[in-house]
C-alpha atoms as a PDB file:
ATOM      1  CA  UNK A   1      16.967 -15.417  36.741  1.00  0.00           C
ATOM      2  CA  UNK A   2      20.483 -15.061  38.452  1.00  0.00           C
ATOM      3  CA  UNK A   3      21.273 -16.304  41.725  1.00  0.00           C
ATOM      4  CA  UNK A   4      21.942 -12.869  42.194  1.00  0.00           C
ATOM      5  CA  UNK A   5      19.560 -11.082  44.934  1.00  0.00           C
ATOM      6  CA  UNK A   6      19.239  -7.155  44.799  1.00  0.00           C
ATOM      7  CA  UNK A   7      19.676  -4.810  47.487  1.00  0.00           C
ATOM      8  CA  UNK A   8      16.338  -3.932  48.047  1.00  0.00           C
ATOM      9  CA  UNK A   9      16.625  -0.311  48.023  1.00  0.00           C
ATOM     10  CA  UNK A  10      17.585  -0.677  44.168  1.00  0.00           C
ATOM     11  CA  UNK A  11      14.782  -2.562  43.383  1.00  0.00           C
ATOM     12  CA  UNK A  12      12.322   0.039  44.831  1.00  0.00           C
ATOM     13  CA  UNK A  13      13.936   2.476  42.754  1.00  0.00           C
ATOM     14  CA  UNK A  14      13.583   0.627  39.488  1.00  0.00           C
ATOM     15  CA  UNK A  15       9.747  -0.258  40.729  1.00  0.00           C
ATOM     16  CA  UNK A  16       8.984   3.289  41.448  1.00  0.00           C
ATOM     17  CA  UNK A  17      10.548   4.153  38.167  1.00  0.00           C
ATOM     18  CA  UNK A  18       7.734   1.549  36.588  1.00  0.00           C
ATOM     19  CA  UNK A  19       5.049   2.870  38.825  1.00  0.00           C
ATOM     20  CA  UNK A  20       5.540   6.339  37.299  1.00  0.00           C
ATOM     21  CA  UNK A  21       6.302   5.729  33.511  1.00  0.00           C
ATOM     22  CA  UNK A  22       3.192   3.553  33.594  1.00  0.00           C
ATOM     23  CA  UNK A  23       1.325   5.601  35.787  1.00  0.00           C
ATOM     24  CA  UNK A  24       2.440   8.624  32.623  1.00  0.00           C
ATOM     25  CA  UNK A  25       1.533   6.394  30.080  1.00  0.00           C
ATOM     26  CA  UNK A  26       5.441   6.829  28.924  1.00  0.00           C
ATOM     27  CA  UNK A  27       5.340   3.500  27.275  1.00  0.00           C
ATOM     28  CA  UNK A  28       8.164   3.602  25.131  1.00  0.00           C
ATOM     29  CA  UNK A  29      10.194   4.777  28.275  1.00  0.00           C
ATOM     30  CA  UNK A  30       8.421   1.831  29.861  1.00  0.00           C
ATOM     31  CA  UNK A  31       9.645  -0.484  26.998  1.00  0.00           C
ATOM     32  CA  UNK A  32      12.921   0.075  27.968  1.00  0.00           C
ATOM     33  CA  UNK A  33      12.817  -1.236  31.267  1.00  0.00           C
ATOM     34  CA  UNK A  34      13.382  -4.346  29.742  1.00  0.00           C
ATOM     35  CA  UNK A  35      16.862  -5.881  29.330  1.00  0.00           C
ATOM     36  CA  UNK A  36      17.516  -7.357  25.990  1.00  0.00           C
ATOM     37  CA  UNK A  37      16.551 -10.747  26.138  1.00  0.00           C
ATOM     38  CA  UNK A  38      13.624  -9.723  28.443  1.00  0.00           C
ATOM     39  CA  UNK A  39       9.809 -10.828  28.811  1.00  0.00           C
ATOM     40  CA  UNK A  40       6.779  -9.613  28.264  1.00  0.00           C
ATOM     41  CA  UNK A  41       3.287 -12.065  29.414  1.00  0.00           C
ATOM     42  CA  UNK A  42       0.455 -11.032  28.144  1.00  0.00           C
ATOM     43  CA  UNK A  43      -1.428 -13.824  27.945  1.00  0.00           C
ATOM     44  CA  UNK A  44      -4.396 -12.162  26.000  1.00  0.00           C
ATOM     45  CA  UNK A  45      -2.157 -10.613  23.246  1.00  0.00           C
ATOM     46  CA  UNK A  46       1.461 -12.964  23.494  1.00  0.00           C
ATOM     47  CA  UNK A  47       4.485 -12.963  24.573  1.00  0.00           C
ATOM     48  CA  UNK A  48       7.006  -9.869  23.446  1.00  0.00           C
ATOM     49  CA  UNK A  49      11.314 -10.742  23.822  1.00  0.00           C
ATOM     50  CA  UNK A  50      13.355  -7.567  24.303  1.00  0.00           C
ATOM     51  CA  UNK A  51      12.556  -4.124  24.778  1.00  0.00           C
ATOM     52  CA  UNK A  52      11.948  -3.618  20.503  1.00  0.00           C
ATOM     53  CA  UNK A  53       9.377  -5.744  20.473  1.00  0.00           C
ATOM     54  CA  UNK A  54       7.688  -4.949  23.566  1.00  0.00           C
ATOM     55  CA  UNK A  55       8.113  -1.398  22.440  1.00  0.00           C
ATOM     56  CA  UNK A  56       6.590  -2.743  18.807  1.00  0.00           C
ATOM     57  CA  UNK A  57       3.387  -4.086  20.929  1.00  0.00           C
ATOM     58  CA  UNK A  58       2.544  -2.131  23.666  1.00  0.00           C
ATOM     59  CA  UNK A  59       2.995   1.766  22.095  1.00  0.00           C
ATOM     60  CA  UNK A  60       0.004   0.497  19.534  1.00  0.00           C
ATOM     61  CA  UNK A  61      -2.250  -1.210  22.379  1.00  0.00           C
ATOM     62  CA  UNK A  62      -1.776   1.525  25.102  1.00  0.00           C
ATOM     63  CA  UNK A  63      -1.872   4.590  22.822  1.00  0.00           C
ATOM     64  CA  UNK A  64      -5.372   5.046  22.640  1.00  0.00           C
ATOM     65  CA  UNK A  65      -5.800   5.121  26.172  1.00  0.00           C
ATOM     66  CA  UNK A  66      -3.149   8.139  27.333  1.00  0.00           C
ATOM     67  CA  UNK A  67      -5.342  10.671  26.300  1.00  0.00           C
ATOM     68  CA  UNK A  68      -9.193   9.053  27.906  1.00  0.00           C
ATOM     69  CA  UNK A  69      -8.304   9.732  31.536  1.00  0.00           C
ATOM     70  CA  UNK A  70      -7.149   5.759  32.485  1.00  0.00           C
ATOM     71  CA  UNK A  71      -5.667   4.883  35.845  1.00  0.00           C
ATOM     72  CA  UNK A  72      -3.987   2.916  37.128  1.00  0.00           C
ATOM     73  CA  UNK A  73      -3.595   2.814  40.568  1.00  0.00           C
ATOM     74  CA  UNK A  74      -1.169  -0.218  42.837  1.00  0.00           C
ATOM     75  CA  UNK A  75      -3.373  -1.342  45.529  1.00  0.00           C
ATOM     76  CA  UNK A  76      -0.610  -3.599  47.067  1.00  0.00           C
ATOM     77  CA  UNK A  77       2.838  -5.369  46.580  1.00  0.00           C
ATOM     78  CA  UNK A  78       5.321  -8.052  47.658  1.00  0.00           C
ATOM     79  CA  UNK A  79       8.482  -8.031  47.037  1.00  0.00           C
ATOM     80  CA  UNK A  80      10.517 -10.981  47.654  1.00  0.00           C
ATOM     81  CA  UNK A  81      14.192 -11.841  46.080  1.00  0.00           C
ATOM     82  CA  UNK A  82      13.926 -10.608  42.938  1.00  0.00           C
ATOM     83  CA  UNK A  83      10.741 -10.751  42.431  1.00  0.00           C
ATOM     84  CA  UNK A  84       7.894  -7.697  42.644  1.00  0.00           C
ATOM     85  CA  UNK A  85       3.834  -8.636  42.484  1.00  0.00           C
ATOM     86  CA  UNK A  86       1.911  -6.364  42.663  1.00  0.00           C
ATOM     87  CA  UNK A  87      -2.580  -6.036  42.393  1.00  0.00           C
ATOM     88  CA  UNK A  88      -3.577  -2.368  40.056  1.00  0.00           C
ATOM     89  CA  UNK A  89      -6.728  -1.454  39.158  1.00  0.00           C
ATOM     90  CA  UNK A  90      -7.736  -0.333  35.286  1.00  0.00           C
ATOM     91  CA  UNK A  91      -9.826   2.525  36.110  1.00  0.00           C
ATOM     92  CA  UNK A  92     -11.207   4.425  33.607  1.00  0.00           C
ATOM     93  CA  UNK A  93     -13.338   8.056  33.782  1.00  0.00           C
ATOM     94  CA  UNK A  94     -16.371   7.885  35.359  1.00  0.00           C
ATOM     95  CA  UNK A  95     -18.785   9.474  32.894  1.00  0.00           C
ATOM     96  CA  UNK A  96     -22.476   8.980  34.194  1.00  0.00           C
ATOM     97  CA  UNK A  97     -21.705   8.451  37.741  1.00  0.00           C
ATOM     98  CA  UNK A  98     -22.446   5.146  38.348  1.00  0.00           C
ATOM     99  CA  UNK A  99     -21.128   3.733  42.190  1.00  0.00           C
ATOM    100  CA  UNK A 100     -17.853   2.283  41.599  1.00  0.00           C
ATOM    101  CA  UNK A 101     -16.853   3.342  38.175  1.00  0.00           C
ATOM    102  CA  UNK A 102     -15.857   1.450  35.382  1.00  0.00           C
ATOM    103  CA  UNK A 103     -12.892  -0.819  36.624  1.00  0.00           C
ATOM    104  CA  UNK A 104     -11.127  -4.108  36.603  1.00  0.00           C
ATOM    105  CA  UNK A 105      -8.375  -5.390  38.469  1.00  0.00           C
ATOM    106  CA  UNK A 106      -4.953  -7.640  37.648  1.00  0.00           C
ATOM    107  CA  UNK A 107      -2.030  -9.010  38.918  1.00  0.00           C
ATOM    108  CA  UNK A 108       1.551  -8.547  37.734  1.00  0.00           C
ATOM    109  CA  UNK A 109       4.892 -10.564  38.343  1.00  0.00           C
ATOM    110  CA  UNK A 110       8.345  -8.957  37.743  1.00  0.00           C
ATOM    111  CA  UNK A 111      11.828 -10.177  37.776  1.00  0.00           C
ATOM    112  CA  UNK A 112      14.236  -6.895  38.134  1.00  0.00           C
ATOM    113  CA  UNK A 113      17.712  -8.100  36.540  1.00  0.00           C
ATOM    114  CA  UNK A 114      19.589  -5.352  38.395  1.00  0.00           C
ATOM    115  CA  UNK A 115      20.663  -1.864  36.659  1.00  0.00           C
ATOM    116  CA  UNK A 116      17.447  -0.854  36.775  1.00  0.00           C
ATOM    117  CA  UNK A 117      16.059  -3.210  34.594  1.00  0.00           C
ATOM    118  CA  UNK A 118      13.248  -5.868  34.520  1.00  0.00           C
ATOM    119  CA  UNK A 119      13.725  -9.211  32.805  1.00  0.00           C
ATOM    120  CA  UNK A 120      10.437 -10.435  32.972  1.00  0.00           C
ATOM    121  CA  UNK A 121       7.026  -8.822  33.075  1.00  0.00           C
ATOM    122  CA  UNK A 122       4.054 -11.180  33.254  1.00  0.00           C
ATOM    123  CA  UNK A 123       0.023  -9.176  33.803  1.00  0.00           C
ATOM    124  CA  UNK A 124      -3.015 -11.894  34.769  1.00  0.00           C
ATOM    125  CA  UNK A 125      -6.285 -10.404  34.771  1.00  0.00           C
ATOM    126  CA  UNK A 126      -9.520 -11.597  33.135  1.00  0.00           C
ATOM    127  CA  UNK A 127     -10.381 -10.557  30.128  1.00  0.00           C
ATOM    128  CA  UNK A 128     -14.198 -11.374  29.593  1.00  0.00           C
ATOM    129  CA  UNK A 129     -14.378  -8.407  32.639  1.00  0.00           C
ATOM    130  CA  UNK A 130     -12.288  -6.349  30.695  1.00  0.00           C
ATOM    131  CA  UNK A 131     -14.383  -6.673  28.011  1.00  0.00           C
ATOM    132  CA  UNK A 132     -17.406  -6.329  30.025  1.00  0.00           C
ATOM    133  CA  UNK A 133     -16.339  -3.155  31.430  1.00  0.00           C
ATOM    134  CA  UNK A 134     -14.844  -1.500  28.639  1.00  0.00           C
ATOM    135  CA  UNK A 135     -18.230  -2.441  26.213  1.00  0.00           C
ATOM    136  CA  UNK A 136     -20.482  -0.641  29.940  1.00  0.00           C
ATOM    137  CA  UNK A 137     -17.766   2.492  29.279  1.00  0.00           C
ATOM    138  CA  UNK A 138     -18.366   2.706  25.269  1.00  0.00           C
ATOM    139  CA  UNK A 139     -21.929   2.319  25.818  1.00  0.00           C
ATOM    140  CA  UNK A 140     -22.291   5.528  28.891  1.00  0.00           C
ATOM    141  CA  UNK A 141     -20.447   7.829  26.350  1.00  0.00           C
ATOM    142  CA  UNK A 142     -16.781   7.120  26.870  1.00  0.00           C
ATOM    143  CA  UNK A 143     -14.183   7.618  24.257  1.00  0.00           C
ATOM    144  CA  UNK A 144     -10.606   7.091  23.137  1.00  0.00           C
END
């Protein structure tokens, strides 16, 4: 973290770009959002340091979802200093018309470092809920 608080408009623009890359599932470019020593904490899969390590993990992890019709809507965000905290949902295509569909939620913490880059990301979600939702989606006919 840094003692320098970046302008709110700069943080908003960097976050909007982050969300666009996420929503468009452009994972190689997403990895480039991190500083050389940027840390991505994914509690179930590990901690990755630097854009190259993040890219090596995130592309194979997320690539199967690119054409599966997943969406990642954001419910809310808070910006405090250089920190952005937001709640998101992973929404899988509702292939059998059930109420509520197939989804689970989580929270992400980002630390903005300036120059359009982030120095930290941590994703927090319930992996058991994720697994149950995905199992139900596959059982209903969902495919990557």
